[in-house]
């Protein structure tokens, strides 16, 4: 076998192996997960000073990112906008989103419920096409 044919065979073989490995890795990737929360703040000062710094650190601990939200800035596209604060978070996957919620310390939940009530839900993202 000539040297050029050997080099071509190695290049083609490497390319095929790389494609196979990429498809296996892609198939194993989990889609991101999103957490939507509607928050009825009862004590704005305590919520801002006592609760927010703790929950923001907790979100980061589980790989979460704040994507958007706030109070009185949601626009109702179909029906009235929510009357409460809304928040949208992104996590690397559903397991991380569930762990974020499940690993809330009792102390943190007590602090949060002292200043606000929460309605939260998690849902998986989809692979962009």
Protein backbone atom coordinates (compact mmCIF):
# COMPACT_ATOMS: atom_id res chain seq x y z
CA UNK A 1 0.00 0.00 0.00
CA UNK A 2 1.39 3.38 -0.96
CA UNK A 3 2.11 5.99 1.68
CA UNK A 4 -0.53 8.36 0.25
CA UNK A 5 -3.19 5.63 0.50
CA UNK A 6 -2.20 4.91 4.10
CA UNK A 7 -2.46 8.58 5.03
CA UNK A 8 -5.83 8.88 3.29
CA UNK A 9 -7.11 5.76 5.08
CA UNK A 10 -6.00 7.14 8.45
CA UNK A 11 -7.63 10.52 7.75
CA UNK A 12 -10.91 8.93 6.62
CA UNK A 13 -10.90 6.52 9.58
CA UNK A 14 -10.26 9.33 12.04
CA UNK A 15 -13.08 11.37 10.53
CA UNK A 16 -15.52 8.46 10.83
CA UNK A 17 -14.50 7.84 14.45
CA UNK A 18 -14.89 11.53 15.27
CA UNK A 19 -18.39 11.61 13.74
CA UNK A 20 -19.37 8.54 15.73
CA UNK A 21 -18.05 9.99 18.98
CA UNK A 22 -19.79 13.32 18.36
CA UNK A 23 -23.13 11.63 17.72
CA UNK A 24 -22.81 9.57 20.91
CA UNK A 25 -21.96 12.68 22.96
CA UNK A 26 -24.79 14.63 21.36
CA UNK A 27 -27.26 11.85 22.14
CA UNK A 28 -26.18 11.88 25.80
CA UNK A 29 -26.53 15.64 26.26
CA UNK A 30 -29.47 16.67 28.41
CA UNK A 31 -31.52 19.70 27.42
CA UNK A 32 -31.54 22.69 29.76
CA UNK A 33 -34.39 23.08 32.22
CA UNK A 34 -36.28 26.21 33.09
CA UNK A 35 -37.89 27.22 36.37
CA UNK A 36 -40.72 29.72 36.29
CA UNK A 37 -41.84 31.29 39.55
CA UNK A 38 -44.64 33.64 40.42
CA UNK A 39 -43.80 35.35 43.70
CA UNK A 40 -46.20 37.28 45.89
CA UNK A 41 -43.90 39.48 47.98
CA UNK A 42 -45.38 40.36 51.39
CA UNK A 43 -42.39 42.29 52.80
CA UNK A 44 -40.32 43.96 50.06
CA UNK A 45 -37.56 45.20 52.36
CA UNK A 46 -37.01 41.82 54.04
CA UNK A 47 -37.32 39.99 50.71
CA UNK A 48 -34.66 42.21 49.12
CA UNK A 49 -32.21 42.34 52.04
CA UNK A 50 -32.59 38.97 53.75
CA UNK A 51 -33.92 36.48 51.20
CA UNK A 52 -32.58 37.49 47.77
CA UNK A 53 -28.84 37.27 48.56
CA UNK A 54 -29.31 33.75 49.96
CA UNK A 55 -31.44 32.45 47.12
CA UNK A 56 -29.18 33.99 44.46
CA UNK A 57 -26.22 32.07 45.90
CA UNK A 58 -28.38 28.93 46.03
CA UNK A 59 -29.32 29.32 42.34
CA UNK A 60 -25.63 29.60 41.34
CA UNK A 61 -24.74 26.59 43.50
CA UNK A 62 -26.87 24.40 41.22
CA UNK A 63 -25.68 25.97 37.97
CA UNK A 64 -28.71 28.20 37.54
CA UNK A 65 -28.87 31.51 35.73
CA UNK A 66 -31.39 34.31 36.11
CA UNK A 67 -32.87 34.93 32.64
CA UNK A 68 -35.49 37.51 33.41
CA UNK A 69 -38.40 38.70 35.42
CA UNK A 70 -39.32 41.36 37.85
CA UNK A 71 -42.36 43.18 39.12
CA UNK A 72 -44.86 45.20 37.11
CA UNK A 73 -42.91 44.77 33.88
CA UNK A 74 -44.56 41.63 32.46
CA UNK A 75 -46.79 42.24 29.45
CA UNK A 76 -49.92 40.16 29.01
CA UNK A 77 -49.90 38.76 25.48
CA UNK A 78 -53.11 36.84 26.01
CA UNK A 79 -55.08 38.04 29.00
CA UNK A 80 -53.94 40.19 31.87
CA UNK A 81 -50.30 40.17 32.99
CA UNK A 82 -49.53 38.51 36.32
CA UNK A 83 -50.21 40.65 39.36
CA UNK A 84 -47.11 39.34 41.14
CA UNK A 85 -43.39 39.29 40.55
CA UNK A 86 -42.31 36.66 37.98
CA UNK A 87 -38.90 35.06 37.52
CA UNK A 88 -37.44 32.77 34.86
CA UNK A 89 -34.32 30.71 35.69
CA UNK A 90 -32.30 28.34 33.52
CA UNK A 91 -30.49 25.26 34.83
CA UNK A 92 -28.13 22.90 32.98
CA UNK A 93 -30.71 20.09 33.09
CA UNK A 94 -33.86 18.95 34.87
CA UNK A 95 -31.86 17.11 37.54
CA UNK A 96 -30.17 20.39 38.51
CA UNK A 97 -33.50 22.24 38.58
CA UNK A 98 -35.03 19.58 40.82
CA UNK A 99 -31.95 19.53 43.06
CA UNK A 100 -32.18 23.33 43.39
CA UNK A 101 -35.74 22.96 44.65
CA UNK A 102 -35.22 19.79 46.69
CA UNK A 103 -32.06 20.99 48.41
CA UNK A 104 -33.65 24.12 49.83
CA UNK A 105 -32.67 24.14 53.44
CA UNK A 106 -35.54 24.36 55.91
CA UNK A 107 -34.00 27.61 57.11
CA UNK A 108 -34.05 29.06 53.60
CA UNK A 109 -37.65 27.97 53.02
CA UNK A 110 -38.65 29.54 56.34
CA UNK A 111 -36.92 32.79 55.43
CA UNK A 112 -38.55 32.82 51.99
CA UNK A 113 -42.04 32.11 53.31
CA UNK A 114 -41.59 34.87 55.88
CA UNK A 115 -41.34 37.46 53.10
CA UNK A 116 -43.26 35.95 50.16
CA UNK A 117 -45.34 33.09 48.83
CA UNK A 118 -44.14 31.13 45.79
CA UNK A 119 -45.73 29.23 42.92
CA UNK A 120 -42.95 27.52 40.97
CA UNK A 121 -42.72 25.01 38.14
CA UNK A 122 -39.91 23.42 36.16
CA UNK A 123 -39.99 22.29 32.55
CA UNK A 124 -37.41 20.89 30.13
CA UNK A 125 -36.03 22.89 27.26
CA UNK A 126 -35.75 21.55 23.73
CA UNK A 127 -32.81 21.14 21.42
CA UNK A 128 -32.67 24.07 18.97
CA UNK A 129 -33.10 22.94 15.38
